[in-house]
Amino acid sequence: MGLREEKKQATRAALSWAATRLAVERGFDNVLVEDIAAAAGVSPRTFNNYFGSKGEAIAARHLDRCLATVAELRARPAGEPLWEALRASVMPQTMPGPEVRADPVTDRDRWVAGVRVMVSHPQHQAEFLRAAARAETELAAAVAARTGTDPETDLYPKLVAAAVLAAVNAATSHWISTDAATDVAALLDEAIHCLAAGLPPPDPSSGSPPGHPSRG
């Protein structure tokens, strides 16, 4: 990737994070494009070069992480088992980017409460569904390339892509809806392990989720 493309991606990420931060802190309807642009240190015109709405800007965080997963999966060694490759591709995307590290969340409880409100907004939901549909298509194509299947005619790559994105959504939703101290990365790691193991029923006596190494 060239320097120009890196700068464009950094600007896109900064705008998306600014949109998310402001929508969570102020409420979705109380944020203007001008506010987002100012928070990211760019002009409203620059915002409009990247996104058509603040809902699209917020949903871009999910889409861009998924597309990064796809790129990583395509770069993994060909002989690596599929679920190992998927886990190795998904987990790095849980790490905060430079835009988040520069403006981190400091009050988890307040943040989670704001996220709960934001994700219920109709515009956010519409844009998130649009982003998720593209992400699922791209991931299915990458899975098909690794497994010698056809993303158009075979069920398997579509099923795997849908399952992985469902794991991402389930881990995120669980983190938002509960007061557990476990972070999203740990929840997602657990979800991927469960999928790789075939989702066996949990064994309450083991103290570990199904398919996951023992916590003891």
Protein backbone atom coordinates (compact mmCIF):
# COMPACT_ATOMS: atom_id res chain seq x y z
CA MET A 1 0.00 0.00 0.00
CA GLY A 2 1.36 3.39 -0.98
CA LEU A 3 1.62 6.43 1.29
CA ARG A 4 -1.33 8.15 -0.40
CA GLU A 5 -3.58 5.16 0.15
CA GLU A 6 -2.43 4.85 3.77
CA LYS A 7 -3.33 8.50 4.38
CA LYS A 8 -6.75 8.00 2.82
CA GLN A 9 -7.40 4.98 5.01
CA ALA A 10 -6.25 6.89 8.08
CA THR A 11 -8.62 9.75 7.27
CA ARG A 12 -11.49 7.33 6.70
CA ALA A 13 -10.80 5.60 10.02
CA ALA A 14 -10.53 8.93 11.86
CA LEU A 15 -13.86 10.12 10.45
CA SER A 16 -15.57 6.84 11.27
CA TRP A 17 -14.27 6.86 14.84
CA ALA A 18 -15.23 10.52 15.30
CA ALA A 19 -18.74 9.78 14.06
CA THR A 20 -19.02 6.83 16.43
CA ARG A 21 -17.65 8.71 19.42
CA LEU A 22 -19.95 11.67 18.95
CA ALA A 23 -23.04 9.56 18.28
CA VAL A 24 -22.39 7.52 21.41
CA GLU A 25 -21.68 10.56 23.57
CA ARG A 26 -24.36 12.95 22.29
CA GLY A 27 -26.97 10.73 20.68
CA PHE A 28 -27.25 9.92 16.97
CA ASP A 29 -29.64 12.76 16.12
CA ASN A 30 -27.54 15.36 17.93
CA VAL A 31 -24.49 15.00 15.69
CA LEU A 32 -23.90 16.96 12.49
CA VAL A 33 -21.48 16.22 9.68
CA GLU A 34 -19.72 19.46 10.59
CA ASP A 35 -19.18 18.13 14.12
CA ILE A 36 -17.66 14.90 12.84
CA ALA A 37 -15.38 16.68 10.40
CA ALA A 38 -14.17 19.10 13.08
CA ALA A 39 -13.47 16.24 15.50
CA ALA A 40 -11.39 14.48 12.82
CA GLY A 41 -9.57 17.67 11.87
CA VAL A 42 -10.90 17.86 8.31
CA SER A 43 -13.51 19.85 6.39
CA PRO A 44 -17.13 18.80 5.86
CA ARG A 45 -16.30 18.52 2.17
CA THR A 46 -13.66 15.92 3.01
CA PHE A 47 -16.24 13.99 5.03
CA ASN A 48 -18.55 13.96 2.01
CA ASN A 49 -15.73 12.61 -0.14
CA TYR A 50 -15.67 9.51 2.06
CA PHE A 51 -19.23 9.01 3.29
CA GLY A 52 -22.75 9.83 2.27
CA SER A 53 -24.10 10.07 5.80
CA LYS A 54 -23.08 9.81 9.43
CA GLY A 55 -24.78 6.40 9.57
CA GLU A 56 -22.52 5.16 6.79
CA ALA A 57 -19.49 6.59 8.58
CA ILE A 58 -20.33 4.70 11.77
CA ALA A 59 -21.05 1.43 9.95
CA ALA A 60 -17.73 1.77 8.12
CA ARG A 61 -15.89 0.66 11.26
CA HIS A 62 -17.54 -2.74 11.07
CA LEU A 63 -17.14 -2.98 7.30
CA ASP A 64 -13.47 -1.98 7.32
CA ARG A 65 -12.62 -4.49 10.04
CA CYS A 66 -14.37 -7.20 8.04
CA LEU A 67 -12.55 -6.25 4.85
CA ALA A 68 -9.26 -6.30 6.76
CA THR A 69 -10.17 -9.82 7.91
CA VAL A 70 -10.77 -10.80 4.29
CA ALA A 71 -7.42 -9.38 3.19
CA GLU A 72 -5.63 -11.20 6.01
CA LEU A 73 -7.40 -14.47 5.21
CA ARG A 74 -6.34 -14.27 1.59
CA ALA A 75 -2.75 -13.73 2.72
CA ARG A 76 -2.63 -16.68 5.13
CA PRO A 77 -0.58 -19.77 4.16
CA ALA A 78 -2.54 -22.01 1.78
CA GLY A 79 -1.97 -25.15 3.87
CA GLU A 80 -3.20 -23.66 7.12
CA PRO A 81 -6.45 -25.25 8.38
CA LEU A 82 -9.42 -23.05 7.57
CA TRP A 83 -10.57 -22.28 11.10
CA GLU A 84 -7.03 -21.57 12.27
CA ALA A 85 -6.68 -19.16 9.38
CA LEU A 86 -10.03 -17.55 10.15
CA ARG A 87 -9.17 -17.04 13.81
CA ALA A 88 -5.76 -15.61 12.90
CA SER A 89 -7.48 -13.23 10.48
CA VAL A 90 -10.33 -12.12 12.73
CA MET A 91 -8.57 -11.54 16.04
CA PRO A 92 -6.12 -8.78 14.96
CA GLN A 93 -9.12 -6.66 13.96
CA THR A 94 -10.15 -6.41 17.61
CA MET A 95 -7.06 -4.35 18.37
CA PRO A 96 -7.66 -0.59 18.53
CA GLY A 97 -6.30 1.43 15.63
CA PRO A 98 -4.27 4.64 15.96
CA GLU A 99 -7.43 6.77 15.79
CA VAL A 100 -8.82 4.96 18.85
CA ARG A 101 -5.53 5.03 20.74
CA ALA A 102 -5.37 8.80 20.15
CA ASP A 103 -8.87 9.28 21.57
CA PRO A 104 -9.64 6.26 23.75
CA VAL A 105 -12.77 5.40 25.69
CA THR A 106 -12.18 6.05 29.38
CA ASP A 107 -15.59 5.37 30.95
CA ARG A 108 -16.72 1.88 29.91
CA ASP A 109 -20.13 2.01 31.59
CA ARG A 110 -21.05 5.32 30.01
CA TRP A 111 -19.72 4.16 26.65
CA VAL A 112 -21.70 0.92 26.68
CA ALA A 113 -24.86 2.78 27.65
CA GLY A 114 -24.37 5.15 24.71
CA VAL A 115 -23.65 2.32 22.31
CA ARG A 116 -26.89 0.59 23.33
CA VAL A 117 -28.82 3.68 22.32
CA MET A 118 -26.86 4.25 19.11
CA VAL A 119 -27.28 0.72 17.75
CA SER A 120 -31.05 0.95 18.17
CA HIS A 121 -31.30 3.96 15.85
CA PRO A 122 -33.04 3.05 12.55
CA GLN A 123 -30.48 4.82 10.35
CA HIS A 124 -27.62 3.04 12.07
CA GLN A 125 -29.37 -0.31 11.70
CA ALA A 126 -30.01 0.26 7.99
CA GLU A 127 -26.40 1.21 7.26
CA PHE A 128 -25.08 -1.63 9.42
CA LEU A 129 -27.15 -4.18 7.49
CA ARG A 130 -25.86 -2.79 4.20
CA ALA A 131 -22.25 -2.99 5.42
CA ALA A 132 -22.78 -6.50 6.79
CA ALA A 133 -24.17 -7.74 3.49
CA ARG A 134 -21.08 -6.56 1.63
CA ALA A 135 -18.78 -7.98 4.31
CA GLU A 136 -20.47 -11.39 4.12
CA THR A 137 -20.13 -11.49 0.33
CA GLU A 138 -16.43 -10.60 0.46
CA LEU A 139 -15.69 -13.10 3.23
CA ALA A 140 -17.55 -15.89 1.42
CA ALA A 141 -15.41 -15.25 -1.66
CA ALA A 142 -12.22 -15.49 0.42
CA VAL A 143 -13.40 -18.72 2.07
CA ALA A 144 -14.29 -20.14 -1.34
CA ALA A 145 -10.80 -19.34 -2.63
CA ARG A 146 -9.25 -21.33 0.26
CA THR A 147 -11.61 -24.29 0.00
CA GLY A 148 -11.93 -24.73 -3.75
CA THR A 149 -15.63 -23.95 -3.68
CA ASP A 150 -17.77 -21.50 -5.64
CA PRO A 151 -19.16 -18.54 -3.67
CA GLU A 152 -22.04 -18.27 -6.12
CA THR A 153 -23.21 -21.89 -6.33
CA ASP A 154 -21.89 -23.61 -3.18
CA LEU A 155 -23.45 -23.29 0.25
CA TYR A 156 -20.29 -23.90 2.28
CA PRO A 157 -18.43 -20.58 1.83
CA LYS A 158 -21.63 -18.63 2.43
CA LEU A 159 -22.33 -20.66 5.56
CA VAL A 160 -18.83 -20.13 6.97
CA ALA A 161 -18.92 -16.40 6.23
CA ALA A 162 -22.33 -16.05 7.86
CA ALA A 163 -21.18 -18.02 10.91
CA VAL A 164 -18.03 -15.93 11.39
CA LEU A 165 -19.93 -12.66 11.14
CA ALA A 166 -22.60 -14.04 13.46
CA ALA A 167 -19.82 -14.76 15.97
CA VAL A 168 -18.60 -11.17 15.67
CA ASN A 169 -22.12 -9.85 16.16
CA ALA A 170 -22.89 -12.21 19.05
CA ALA A 171 -19.69 -11.32 20.90
CA THR A 172 -20.30 -7.60 20.42
CA SER A 173 -23.96 -7.87 21.41
CA HIS A 174 -23.09 -9.90 24.50
CA TRP A 175 -20.53 -7.32 25.55
CA ILE A 176 -23.03 -4.49 25.06
CA SER A 177 -25.94 -6.19 26.79
CA THR A 178 -24.16 -7.52 29.87
CA ASP A 179 -22.11 -6.03 32.66
CA ALA A 180 -19.37 -8.65 32.32
CA ALA A 181 -15.84 -7.33 32.59
CA THR A 182 -14.67 -9.60 29.75
CA ASP A 183 -13.63 -7.59 26.71
CA VAL A 184 -14.90 -8.08 23.18
CA ALA A 185 -11.67 -9.72 22.00
CA ALA A 186 -11.93 -12.48 24.61
CA LEU A 187 -15.59 -13.05 23.80
CA LEU A 188 -14.86 -13.24 20.08
CA ASP A 189 -11.96 -15.62 20.64
CA GLU A 190 -14.32 -17.86 22.62
CA ALA A 191 -16.96 -17.66 19.88
CA ILE A 192 -14.51 -18.63 17.13
CA HIS A 193 -13.25 -21.58 19.20
CA CYS A 194 -16.85 -22.73 19.67
CA LEU A 195 -17.54 -22.52 15.94
CA ALA A 196 -14.33 -24.38 15.09
CA ALA A 197 -15.35 -27.15 17.49
CA GLY A 198 -18.73 -27.50 15.81
CA LEU A 199 -20.72 -25.73 18.54
CA PRO A 200 -21.01 -28.67 20.95
CA PRO A 201 -23.28 -28.07 23.95
CA PRO A 202 -21.44 -26.53 26.92
CA ASP A 203 -20.35 -28.76 29.78
CA PRO A 204 -21.14 -26.89 33.02
CA SER A 205 -18.75 -29.10 34.96
CA SER A 206 -15.70 -28.20 32.87
CA GLY A 207 -15.63 -24.49 33.63
CA SER A 208 -14.67 -23.80 30.00
CA PRO A 209 -16.77 -22.99 26.94
CA PRO A 210 -17.10 -25.82 24.39
CA GLY A 211 -14.11 -26.25 22.13
CA HIS A 212 -12.03 -23.79 24.13
CA PRO A 213 -8.86 -24.65 26.07
CA SER A 214 -9.47 -25.13 29.79
CA ARG A 215 -9.46 -21.96 31.84
CA GLY A 216 -7.94 -23.83 34.72
